[in-house]
Amino acid sequence: MASYLKCPLCGYRLRTRNSTGQHPLLRTEYLQCLNPGCYAAFRGTREITHELSPSGLPNPGINLPRVARAENERITAELTGNTNQLDLLHADDSGPNPSTENTHD
């Protein structure tokens, strides 16, 4: 899923013209509106603030707070568009066991 910002003046899509890293968690971006009638330019920042799931290759120099479980489940549901999907990282053993469930009625 691509992410993009909209121009705060006309609502058209912005593109990143350039960006510079300030820190591994922070970038300064220079943005421009793609609307030929507007064509406004902006400077902004993009920041990583929390960890949603742990990395398989952790960096000891980066220590981000983890999002609480309930918030993580809400975010995951929003991103997947499916609020009924089980989270395999938090699933318990109380559900039906597919190997013993009768699927031929």
PDB file of N, CA and C in Angstrom:
ATOM      1  N   MET A   1       0.844  -1.163   0.000  1.00  0.00           N
ATOM      2  CA  MET A   1       0.000   0.000   0.000  1.00  0.00           C
ATOM      3  C   MET A   1       0.899   1.238   0.000  1.00  0.00           C
ATOM      4  N   ALA A   2       0.753   2.063  -1.004  1.00  0.00           N
ATOM      5  CA  ALA A   2       1.525   3.295  -1.078  1.00  0.00           C
ATOM      6  C   ALA A   2       0.903   4.343  -0.165  1.00  0.00           C
ATOM      7  N   SER A   3       1.750   5.150   0.415  1.00  0.00           N
ATOM      8  CA  SER A   3       1.229   6.228   1.244  1.00  0.00           C
ATOM      9  C   SER A   3       1.656   7.557   0.630  1.00  0.00           C
ATOM     10  N   TYR A   4       0.788   8.521   0.712  1.00  0.00           N
ATOM     11  CA  TYR A   4       1.113   9.839   0.222  1.00  0.00           C
ATOM     12  C   TYR A   4       0.319  10.880   1.009  1.00  0.00           C
ATOM     13  N   LEU A   5       0.801  12.082   0.965  1.00  0.00           N
ATOM     14  CA  LEU A   5       0.129  13.199   1.624  1.00  0.00           C
ATOM     15  C   LEU A   5      -0.643  14.003   0.595  1.00  0.00           C
ATOM     16  N   LYS A   6      -1.658  14.699   1.077  1.00  0.00           N
ATOM     17  CA  LYS A   6      -2.424  15.601   0.219  1.00  0.00           C
ATOM     18  C   LYS A   6      -2.029  17.035   0.527  1.00  0.00           C
ATOM     19  N   CYS A   7      -2.086  17.869  -0.488  1.00  0.00           N
ATOM     20  CA  CYS A   7      -1.783  19.285  -0.340  1.00  0.00           C
ATOM     21  C   CYS A   7      -2.779  19.905   0.638  1.00  0.00           C
ATOM     22  N   PRO A   8      -2.294  20.592   1.665  1.00  0.00           N
ATOM     23  CA  PRO A   8      -3.213  21.203   2.619  1.00  0.00           C
ATOM     24  C   PRO A   8      -3.981  22.387   2.028  1.00  0.00           C
ATOM     25  N   LEU A   9      -3.551  22.880   0.870  1.00  0.00           N
ATOM     26  CA  LEU A   9      -4.203  24.036   0.249  1.00  0.00           C
ATOM     27  C   LEU A   9      -5.292  23.641  -0.737  1.00  0.00           C
ATOM     28  N   CYS A  10      -5.012  22.646  -1.591  1.00  0.00           N
ATOM     29  CA  CYS A  10      -5.995  22.280  -2.620  1.00  0.00           C
ATOM     30  C   CYS A  10      -6.482  20.837  -2.527  1.00  0.00           C
ATOM     31  N   GLY A  11      -5.826  20.004  -1.707  1.00  0.00           N
ATOM     32  CA  GLY A  11      -6.252  18.618  -1.551  1.00  0.00           C
ATOM     33  C   GLY A  11      -5.694  17.651  -2.573  1.00  0.00           C
ATOM     34  N   TYR A  12      -4.885  18.143  -3.499  1.00  0.00           N
ATOM     35  CA  TYR A  12      -4.271  17.298  -4.517  1.00  0.00           C
ATOM     36  C   TYR A  12      -3.103  16.527  -3.907  1.00  0.00           C
ATOM     37  N   ARG A  13      -2.644  15.505  -4.589  1.00  0.00           N
ATOM     38  CA  ARG A  13      -1.545  14.677  -4.091  1.00  0.00           C
ATOM     39  C   ARG A  13      -0.221  15.445  -4.088  1.00  0.00           C
ATOM     40  N   LEU A  14       0.583  15.218  -3.032  1.00  0.00           N
ATOM     41  CA  LEU A  14       1.931  15.777  -2.948  1.00  0.00           C
ATOM     42  C   LEU A  14       2.948  14.709  -3.330  1.00  0.00           C
ATOM     43  N   ARG A  15       4.054  15.125  -3.908  1.00  0.00           N
ATOM     44  CA  ARG A  15       5.147  14.194  -4.150  1.00  0.00           C
ATOM     45  C   ARG A  15       6.368  14.698  -3.383  1.00  0.00           C
ATOM     46  N   THR A  16       7.195  13.748  -2.968  1.00  0.00           N
ATOM     47  CA  THR A  16       8.437  14.090  -2.291  1.00  0.00           C
ATOM     48  C   THR A  16       9.483  14.407  -3.341  1.00  0.00           C
ATOM     49  N   ARG A  17       9.979  15.625  -3.332  1.00  0.00           N
ATOM     50  CA  ARG A  17      11.004  16.051  -4.293  1.00  0.00           C
ATOM     51  C   ARG A  17      12.394  15.650  -3.818  1.00  0.00           C
ATOM     52  N   ASN A  18      12.589  15.699  -2.498  1.00  0.00           N
ATOM     53  CA  ASN A  18      13.886  15.381  -1.923  1.00  0.00           C
ATOM     54  C   ASN A  18      13.680  15.098  -0.443  1.00  0.00           C
ATOM     55  N   SER A  19      14.596  14.390   0.161  1.00  0.00           N
ATOM     56  CA  SER A  19      14.539  14.171   1.606  1.00  0.00           C
ATOM     57  C   SER A  19      15.951  13.954   2.131  1.00  0.00           C
ATOM     58  N   THR A  20      16.147  14.306   3.387  1.00  0.00           N
ATOM     59  CA  THR A  20      17.440  14.118   4.030  1.00  0.00           C
ATOM     60  C   THR A  20      17.222  13.471   5.384  1.00  0.00           C
ATOM     61  N   GLY A  21      18.070  12.517   5.709  1.00  0.00           N
ATOM     62  CA  GLY A  21      17.972  11.839   6.991  1.00  0.00           C
ATOM     63  C   GLY A  21      18.593  12.665   8.095  1.00  0.00           C
ATOM     64  N   GLN A  22      17.839  12.890   9.157  1.00  0.00           N
ATOM     65  CA  GLN A  22      18.346  13.600  10.322  1.00  0.00           C
ATOM     66  C   GLN A  22      18.836  12.602  11.370  1.00  0.00           C
ATOM     67  N   HIS A  23      18.237  11.421  11.338  1.00  0.00           N
ATOM     68  CA  HIS A  23      18.455  10.364  12.327  1.00  0.00           C
ATOM     69  C   HIS A  23      17.819   9.118  11.718  1.00  0.00           C
ATOM     70  N   PRO A  24      18.152   7.895  12.161  1.00  0.00           N
ATOM     71  CA  PRO A  24      17.508   6.713  11.580  1.00  0.00           C
ATOM     72  C   PRO A  24      15.980   6.707  11.714  1.00  0.00           C
ATOM     73  N   LEU A  25      15.442   7.517  12.619  1.00  0.00           N
ATOM     74  CA  LEU A  25      13.999   7.556  12.829  1.00  0.00           C
ATOM     75  C   LEU A  25      13.342   8.836  12.308  1.00  0.00           C
ATOM     76  N   LEU A  26      14.115   9.740  11.700  1.00  0.00           N
ATOM     77  CA  LEU A  26      13.567  11.042  11.307  1.00  0.00           C
ATOM     78  C   LEU A  26      14.151  11.505   9.981  1.00  0.00           C
ATOM     79  N   ARG A  27      13.265  11.932   9.066  1.00  0.00           N
ATOM     80  CA  ARG A  27      13.674  12.494   7.781  1.00  0.00           C
ATOM     81  C   ARG A  27      12.985  13.831   7.562  1.00  0.00           C
ATOM     82  N   THR A  28      13.707  14.777   6.992  1.00  0.00           N
ATOM     83  CA  THR A  28      13.123  16.031   6.531  1.00  0.00           C
ATOM     84  C   THR A  28      12.794  15.837   5.057  1.00  0.00           C
ATOM     85  N   GLU A  29      11.553  16.176   4.673  1.00  0.00           N
ATOM     86  CA  GLU A  29      11.120  15.992   3.293  1.00  0.00           C
ATOM     87  C   GLU A  29      10.731  17.329   2.671  1.00  0.00           C
ATOM     88  N   TYR A  30      11.009  17.452   1.392  1.00  0.00           N
ATOM     89  CA  TYR A  30      10.605  18.615   0.614  1.00  0.00           C
ATOM     90  C   TYR A  30       9.562  18.119  -0.379  1.00  0.00           C
ATOM     91  N   LEU A  31       8.377  18.681  -0.278  1.00  0.00           N
ATOM     92  CA  LEU A  31       7.215  18.179  -1.013  1.00  0.00           C
ATOM     93  C   LEU A  31       6.699  19.223  -1.988  1.00  0.00           C
ATOM     94  N   GLN A  32       6.068  18.753  -3.064  1.00  0.00           N
ATOM     95  CA  GLN A  32       5.480  19.662  -4.035  1.00  0.00           C
ATOM     96  C   GLN A  32       4.120  19.132  -4.471  1.00  0.00           C
ATOM     97  N   CYS A  33       3.158  20.022  -4.570  1.00  0.00           N
ATOM     98  CA  CYS A  33       1.815  19.676  -5.021  1.00  0.00           C
ATOM     99  C   CYS A  33       1.860  19.349  -6.514  1.00  0.00           C
ATOM    100  N   LEU A  34       1.152  18.290  -6.901  1.00  0.00           N
ATOM    101  CA  LEU A  34       1.127  17.890  -8.309  1.00  0.00           C
ATOM    102  C   LEU A  34       0.020  18.570  -9.108  1.00  0.00           C
ATOM    103  N   ASN A  35      -0.782  19.390  -8.461  1.00  0.00           N
ATOM    104  CA  ASN A  35      -1.837  20.121  -9.150  1.00  0.00           C
ATOM    105  C   ASN A  35      -1.199  21.292  -9.898  1.00  0.00           C
ATOM    106  N   PRO A  36      -1.276  21.315 -11.237  1.00  0.00           N
ATOM    107  CA  PRO A  36      -0.650  22.392 -12.005  1.00  0.00           C
ATOM    108  C   PRO A  36      -1.176  23.781 -11.647  1.00  0.00           C
ATOM    109  N   GLY A  37      -2.396  23.855 -11.149  1.00  0.00           N
ATOM    110  CA  GLY A  37      -2.946  25.150 -10.759  1.00  0.00           C
ATOM    111  C   GLY A  37      -2.438  25.620  -9.402  1.00  0.00           C
ATOM    112  N   CYS A  38      -1.959  24.732  -8.587  1.00  0.00           N
ATOM    113  CA  CYS A  38      -1.495  25.055  -7.233  1.00  0.00           C
ATOM    114  C   CYS A  38       0.031  25.067  -7.181  1.00  0.00           C
ATOM    115  N   TYR A  39       0.624  23.915  -7.372  1.00  0.00           N
ATOM    116  CA  TYR A  39       2.075  23.718  -7.429  1.00  0.00           C
ATOM    117  C   TYR A  39       2.826  24.259  -6.205  1.00  0.00           C
ATOM    118  N   ALA A  40       2.153  24.305  -5.053  1.00  0.00           N
ATOM    119  CA  ALA A  40       2.776  24.786  -3.813  1.00  0.00           C
ATOM    120  C   ALA A  40       3.883  23.829  -3.385  1.00  0.00           C
ATOM    121  N   ALA A  41       4.848  24.346  -2.632  1.00  0.00           N
ATOM    122  CA  ALA A  41       5.956  23.538  -2.127  1.00  0.00           C
ATOM    123  C   ALA A  41       5.983  23.634  -0.598  1.00  0.00           C
ATOM    124  N   PHE A  42       6.418  22.536   0.057  1.00  0.00           N
ATOM    125  CA  PHE A  42       6.405  22.452   1.510  1.00  0.00           C
ATOM    126  C   PHE A  42       7.647  21.736   2.013  1.00  0.00           C
ATOM    127  N   ARG A  43       7.951  21.949   3.271  1.00  0.00           N
ATOM    128  CA  ARG A  43       8.957  21.167   3.979  1.00  0.00           C
ATOM    129  C   ARG A  43       8.262  20.537   5.173  1.00  0.00           C
ATOM    130  N   GLY A  44       8.568  19.278   5.441  1.00  0.00           N
ATOM    131  CA  GLY A  44       7.962  18.584   6.570  1.00  0.00           C
ATOM    132  C   GLY A  44       8.886  17.493   7.070  1.00  0.00           C
ATOM    133  N   THR A  45       8.412  16.741   8.054  1.00  0.00           N
ATOM    134  CA  THR A  45       9.206  15.656   8.604  1.00  0.00           C
ATOM    135  C   THR A  45       8.395  14.372   8.625  1.00  0.00           C
ATOM    136  N   ARG A  46       9.099  13.261   8.526  1.00  0.00           N
ATOM    137  CA  ARG A  46       8.508  11.925   8.654  1.00  0.00           C
ATOM    138  C   ARG A  46       9.271  11.238   9.775  1.00  0.00           C
ATOM    139  N   GLU A  47       8.520  10.745  10.756  1.00  0.00           N
ATOM    140  CA  GLU A  47       9.144  10.190  11.947  1.00  0.00           C
ATOM    141  C   GLU A  47       8.585   8.816  12.293  1.00  0.00           C
ATOM    142  N   ILE A  48       9.451   7.906  12.678  1.00  0.00           N
ATOM    143  CA  ILE A  48       9.038   6.605  13.202  1.00  0.00           C
ATOM    144  C   ILE A  48       8.997   6.749  14.717  1.00  0.00           C
ATOM    145  N   THR A  49       7.837   6.453  15.317  1.00  0.00           N
ATOM    146  CA  THR A  49       7.664   6.719  16.746  1.00  0.00           C
ATOM    147  C   THR A  49       7.493   5.479  17.604  1.00  0.00           C
ATOM    148  N   HIS A  50       6.938   4.382  17.046  1.00  0.00           N
ATOM    149  CA  HIS A  50       6.646   3.187  17.836  1.00  0.00           C
ATOM    150  C   HIS A  50       6.909   1.928  17.013  1.00  0.00           C
ATOM    151  N   GLU A  51       7.147   0.846  17.711  1.00  0.00           N
ATOM    152  CA  GLU A  51       7.333  -0.451  17.079  1.00  0.00           C
ATOM    153  C   GLU A  51       6.025  -1.236  17.180  1.00  0.00           C
ATOM    154  N   LEU A  52       5.520  -1.719  16.041  1.00  0.00           N
ATOM    155  CA  LEU A  52       4.300  -2.523  16.030  1.00  0.00           C
ATOM    156  C   LEU A  52       4.605  -4.008  16.203  1.00  0.00           C
ATOM    157  N   SER A  53       5.703  -4.462  15.612  1.00  0.00           N
ATOM    158  CA  SER A  53       6.117  -5.854  15.786  1.00  0.00           C
ATOM    159  C   SER A  53       7.637  -5.885  15.823  1.00  0.00           C
ATOM    160  N   PRO A  54       8.207  -6.817  16.558  1.00  0.00           N
ATOM    161  CA  PRO A  54       9.661  -6.856  16.697  1.00  0.00           C
ATOM    162  C   PRO A  54      10.352  -7.277  15.395  1.00  0.00           C
ATOM    163  N   SER A  55      11.574  -6.811  15.235  1.00  0.00           N
ATOM    164  CA  SER A  55      12.378  -7.140  14.062  1.00  0.00           C
ATOM    165  C   SER A  55      13.104  -8.457  14.274  1.00  0.00           C
ATOM    166  N   GLY A  56      13.332  -9.163  13.191  1.00  0.00           N
ATOM    167  CA  GLY A  56      14.168 -10.348  13.241  1.00  0.00           C
ATOM    168  C   GLY A  56      15.644  -9.977  13.283  1.00  0.00           C
ATOM    169  N   LEU A  57      15.946  -8.719  12.980  1.00  0.00           N
ATOM    170  CA  LEU A  57      17.323  -8.209  12.990  1.00  0.00           C
ATOM    171  C   LEU A  57      17.370  -6.926  13.815  1.00  0.00           C
ATOM    172  N   PRO A  58      17.209  -7.008  15.125  1.00  0.00           N
ATOM    173  CA  PRO A  58      17.143  -5.796  15.946  1.00  0.00           C
ATOM    174  C   PRO A  58      18.446  -4.996  15.910  1.00  0.00           C
ATOM    175  N   ASN A  59      18.302  -3.694  16.067  1.00  0.00           N
ATOM    176  CA  ASN A  59      19.434  -2.774  16.123  1.00  0.00           C
ATOM    177  C   ASN A  59      19.565  -2.312  17.568  1.00  0.00           C
ATOM    178  N   PRO A  60      20.652  -2.645  18.267  1.00  0.00           N
ATOM    179  CA  PRO A  60      20.783  -2.268  19.665  1.00  0.00           C
ATOM    180  C   PRO A  60      20.815  -0.750  19.883  1.00  0.00           C
ATOM    181  N   GLY A  61      21.090   0.016  18.838  1.00  0.00           N
ATOM    182  CA  GLY A  61      21.117   1.473  18.958  1.00  0.00           C
ATOM    183  C   GLY A  61      19.742   2.119  18.864  1.00  0.00           C
ATOM    184  N   ILE A  62      18.726   1.351  18.515  1.00  0.00           N
ATOM    185  CA  ILE A  62      17.361   1.877  18.377  1.00  0.00           C
ATOM    186  C   ILE A  62      16.485   1.249  19.457  1.00  0.00           C
ATOM    187  N   ASN A  63      15.845   2.086  20.252  1.00  0.00           N
ATOM    188  CA  ASN A  63      14.975   1.606  21.320  1.00  0.00           C
ATOM    189  C   ASN A  63      13.632   2.333  21.227  1.00  0.00           C
ATOM    190  N   LEU A  64      12.701   1.750  20.496  1.00  0.00           N
ATOM    191  CA  LEU A  64      11.375   2.347  20.320  1.00  0.00           C
ATOM    192  C   LEU A  64      10.380   1.737  21.293  1.00  0.00           C
ATOM    193  N   PRO A  65       9.423   2.535  21.789  1.00  0.00           N
ATOM    194  CA  PRO A  65       8.367   1.943  22.614  1.00  0.00           C
ATOM    195  C   PRO A  65       7.468   1.068  21.753  1.00  0.00           C
ATOM    196  N   ARG A  66       6.970  -0.008  22.328  1.00  0.00           N
ATOM    197  CA  ARG A  66       6.038  -0.886  21.612  1.00  0.00           C
ATOM    198  C   ARG A  66       4.620  -0.402  21.835  1.00  0.00           C
ATOM    199  N   VAL A  67       3.815  -0.562  20.814  1.00  0.00           N
ATOM    200  CA  VAL A  67       2.402  -0.207  20.889  1.00  0.00           C
ATOM    201  C   VAL A  67       1.695  -1.259  21.749  1.00  0.00           C
ATOM    202  N   ALA A  68       0.760  -0.823  22.588  1.00  0.00           N
ATOM    203  CA  ALA A  68      -0.006  -1.740  23.429  1.00  0.00           C
ATOM    204  C   ALA A  68      -0.756  -2.741  22.548  1.00  0.00           C
ATOM    205  N   ARG A  69      -1.001  -3.932  23.072  1.00  0.00           N
ATOM    206  CA  ARG A  69      -1.608  -5.025  22.308  1.00  0.00           C
ATOM    207  C   ARG A  69      -2.952  -4.616  21.682  1.00  0.00           C
ATOM    208  N   ALA A  70      -3.820  -3.982  22.452  1.00  0.00           N
ATOM    209  CA  ALA A  70      -5.140  -3.592  21.929  1.00  0.00           C
ATOM    210  C   ALA A  70      -4.995  -2.606  20.769  1.00  0.00           C
ATOM    211  N   GLU A  71      -4.084  -1.668  20.897  1.00  0.00           N
ATOM    212  CA  GLU A  71      -3.852  -0.699  19.829  1.00  0.00           C
ATOM    213  C   GLU A  71      -3.248  -1.386  18.609  1.00  0.00           C
ATOM    214  N   ASN A  72      -2.336  -2.327  18.825  1.00  0.00           N
ATOM    215  CA  ASN A  72      -1.729  -3.070  17.728  1.00  0.00           C
ATOM    216  C   ASN A  72      -2.787  -3.859  16.966  1.00  0.00           C
ATOM    217  N   GLU A  73      -3.726  -4.489  17.677  1.00  0.00           N
ATOM    218  CA  GLU A  73      -4.798  -5.244  17.025  1.00  0.00           C
ATOM    219  C   GLU A  73      -5.691  -4.335  16.196  1.00  0.00           C
ATOM    220  N   ARG A  74      -5.982  -3.137  16.713  1.00  0.00           N
ATOM    221  CA  ARG A  74      -6.805  -2.177  15.970  1.00  0.00           C
ATOM    222  C   ARG A  74      -6.088  -1.731  14.697  1.00  0.00           C
ATOM    223  N   ILE A  75      -4.795  -1.429  14.810  1.00  0.00           N
ATOM    224  CA  ILE A  75      -4.010  -0.990  13.652  1.00  0.00           C
ATOM    225  C   ILE A  75      -3.926  -2.105  12.617  1.00  0.00           C
ATOM    226  N   THR A  76      -3.670  -3.323  13.067  1.00  0.00           N
ATOM    227  CA  THR A  76      -3.582  -4.470  12.158  1.00  0.00           C
ATOM    228  C   THR A  76      -4.895  -4.659  11.404  1.00  0.00           C
ATOM    229  N   ALA A  77      -6.018  -4.535  12.112  1.00  0.00           N
ATOM    230  CA  ALA A  77      -7.327  -4.670  11.470  1.00  0.00           C
ATOM    231  C   ALA A  77      -7.533  -3.579  10.422  1.00  0.00           C
ATOM    232  N   GLU A  78      -7.120  -2.356  10.732  1.00  0.00           N
ATOM    233  CA  GLU A  78      -7.241  -1.252   9.775  1.00  0.00           C
ATOM    234  C   GLU A  78      -6.400  -1.507   8.527  1.00  0.00           C
ATOM    235  N   LEU A  79      -5.172  -1.965   8.729  1.00  0.00           N
ATOM    236  CA  LEU A  79      -4.262  -2.184   7.596  1.00  0.00           C
ATOM    237  C   LEU A  79      -4.701  -3.340   6.718  1.00  0.00           C
ATOM    238  N   THR A  80      -5.237  -4.392   7.317  1.00  0.00           N
ATOM    239  CA  THR A  80      -5.650  -5.557   6.538  1.00  0.00           C
ATOM    240  C   THR A  80      -7.068  -5.411   6.014  1.00  0.00           C
ATOM    241  N   GLY A  81      -7.856  -4.533   6.628  1.00  0.00           N
ATOM    242  CA  GLY A  81      -9.243  -4.367   6.216  1.00  0.00           C
ATOM    243  C   GLY A  81     -10.125  -5.506   6.677  1.00  0.00           C
ATOM    244  N   ASN A  82      -9.630  -6.350   7.573  1.00  0.00           N
ATOM    245  CA  ASN A  82     -10.380  -7.511   8.038  1.00  0.00           C
ATOM    246  C   ASN A  82     -10.337  -7.542   9.553  1.00  0.00           C
ATOM    247  N   THR A  83     -11.439  -7.222  10.196  1.00  0.00           N
ATOM    248  CA  THR A  83     -11.478  -7.194  11.653  1.00  0.00           C
ATOM    249  C   THR A  83     -11.745  -8.568  12.248  1.00  0.00           C
ATOM    250  N   ASN A  84     -12.065  -9.583  11.424  1.00  0.00           N
ATOM    251  CA  ASN A  84     -12.355 -10.919  11.936  1.00  0.00           C
ATOM    252  C   ASN A  84     -11.168 -11.872  11.829  1.00  0.00           C
ATOM    253  N   GLN A  85     -10.070 -11.407  11.268  1.00  0.00           N
ATOM    254  CA  GLN A  85      -8.917 -12.272  11.069  1.00  0.00           C
ATOM    255  C   GLN A  85      -8.169 -12.453  12.388  1.00  0.00           C
ATOM    256  N   LEU A  86      -7.780 -13.707  12.680  1.00  0.00           N
ATOM    257  CA  LEU A  86      -7.008 -13.994  13.876  1.00  0.00           C
ATOM    258  C   LEU A  86      -5.592 -13.468  13.722  1.00  0.00           C
ATOM    259  N   ASP A  87      -5.045 -12.934  14.802  1.00  0.00           N
ATOM    260  CA  ASP A  87      -3.659 -12.520  14.840  1.00  0.00           C
ATOM    261  C   ASP A  87      -2.850 -13.720  15.302  1.00  0.00           C
ATOM    262  N   LEU A  88      -2.023 -14.270  14.429  1.00  0.00           N
ATOM    263  CA  LEU A  88      -1.277 -15.485  14.757  1.00  0.00           C
ATOM    264  C   LEU A  88      -0.302 -15.292  15.905  1.00  0.00           C
ATOM    265  N   LEU A  89       0.163 -14.056  16.116  1.00  0.00           N
ATOM    266  CA  LEU A  89       1.085 -13.810  17.213  1.00  0.00           C
ATOM    267  C   LEU A  89       0.385 -13.816  18.565  1.00  0.00           C
ATOM    268  N   HIS A  90      -0.930 -13.599  18.566  1.00  0.00           N
ATOM    269  CA  HIS A  90      -1.672 -13.520  19.819  1.00  0.00           C
ATOM    270  C   HIS A  90      -2.777 -14.567  19.918  1.00  0.00           C
ATOM    271  N   ALA A  91      -2.810 -15.525  18.997  1.00  0.00           N
ATOM    272  CA  ALA A  91      -3.862 -16.544  19.002  1.00  0.00           C
ATOM    273  C   ALA A  91      -3.692 -17.461  20.204  1.00  0.00           C
ATOM    274  N   ASP A  92      -4.803 -17.926  20.740  1.00  0.00           N
ATOM    275  CA  ASP A  92      -4.734 -18.887  21.837  1.00  0.00           C
ATOM    276  C   ASP A  92      -5.229 -20.248  21.344  1.00  0.00           C
ATOM    277  N   ASP A  93      -5.249 -21.232  22.214  1.00  0.00           N
ATOM    278  CA  ASP A  93      -5.633 -22.587  21.827  1.00  0.00           C
ATOM    279  C   ASP A  93      -7.107 -22.873  22.103  1.00  0.00           C
ATOM    280  N   SER A  94      -7.920 -21.842  22.330  1.00  0.00           N
ATOM    281  CA  SER A  94      -9.317 -22.083  22.689  1.00  0.00           C
ATOM    282  C   SER A  94     -10.218 -22.300  21.474  1.00  0.00           C
ATOM    283  N   GLY A  95      -9.723 -22.057  20.271  1.00  0.00           N
ATOM    284  CA  GLY A  95     -10.548 -22.205  19.069  1.00  0.00           C
ATOM    285  C   GLY A  95     -10.628 -23.643  18.625  1.00  0.00           C
ATOM    286  N   PRO A  96     -11.425 -23.913  17.573  1.00  0.00           N
ATOM    287  CA  PRO A  96     -11.555 -25.274  17.058  1.00  0.00           C
ATOM    288  C   PRO A  96     -10.244 -25.781  16.502  1.00  0.00           C
ATOM    289  N   ASN A  97     -10.050 -27.066  16.615  1.00  0.00           N
ATOM    290  CA  ASN A  97      -8.852 -27.703  16.096  1.00  0.00           C
ATOM    291  C   ASN A  97      -9.194 -28.271  14.717  1.00  0.00           C
ATOM    292  N   PRO A  98      -8.590 -27.727  13.646  1.00  0.00           N
ATOM    293  CA  PRO A  98      -8.944 -28.174  12.295  1.00  0.00           C
ATOM    294  C   PRO A  98      -8.735 -29.668  12.067  1.00  0.00           C
ATOM    295  N   SER A  99      -7.793 -30.284  12.776  1.00  0.00           N
ATOM    296  CA  SER A  99      -7.522 -31.700  12.543  1.00  0.00           C
ATOM    297  C   SER A  99      -8.607 -32.587  13.125  1.00  0.00           C
ATOM    298  N   THR A 100      -9.400 -32.077  14.091  1.00  0.00           N
ATOM    299  CA  THR A 100     -10.459 -32.889  14.683  1.00  0.00           C
ATOM    300  C   THR A 100     -11.850 -32.431  14.275  1.00  0.00           C
ATOM    301  N   GLU A 101     -11.934 -31.321  13.571  1.00  0.00           N
ATOM    302  CA  GLU A 101     -13.220 -30.784  13.185  1.00  0.00           C
ATOM    303  C   GLU A 101     -13.769 -31.571  12.000  1.00  0.00           C
ATOM    304  N   ASN A 102     -15.051 -31.905  12.038  1.00  0.00           N
ATOM    305  CA  ASN A 102     -15.687 -32.662  10.954  1.00  0.00           C
ATOM    306  C   ASN A 102     -16.066 -31.679   9.858  1.00  0.00           C
ATOM    307  N   THR A 103     -15.428 -31.813   8.703  1.00  0.00           N
ATOM    308  CA  THR A 103     -15.712 -30.910   7.594  1.00  0.00           C
ATOM    309  C   THR A 103     -16.604 -31.557   6.542  1.00  0.00           C
ATOM    310  N   HIS A 104     -16.960 -32.834   6.719  1.00  0.00           N
ATOM    311  CA  HIS A 104     -17.830 -33.523   5.750  1.00  0.00           C
ATOM    312  C   HIS A 104     -19.163 -33.840   6.407  1.00  0.00           C
ATOM    313  N   ASP A 105     -20.092 -32.871   6.387  1.00  0.00           N
ATOM    314  CA  ASP A 105     -21.402 -33.085   7.023  1.00  0.00           C
ATOM    315  C   ASP A 105     -22.300 -33.921   6.188  1.00  0.00           C
TER     316      ASP A 105
END
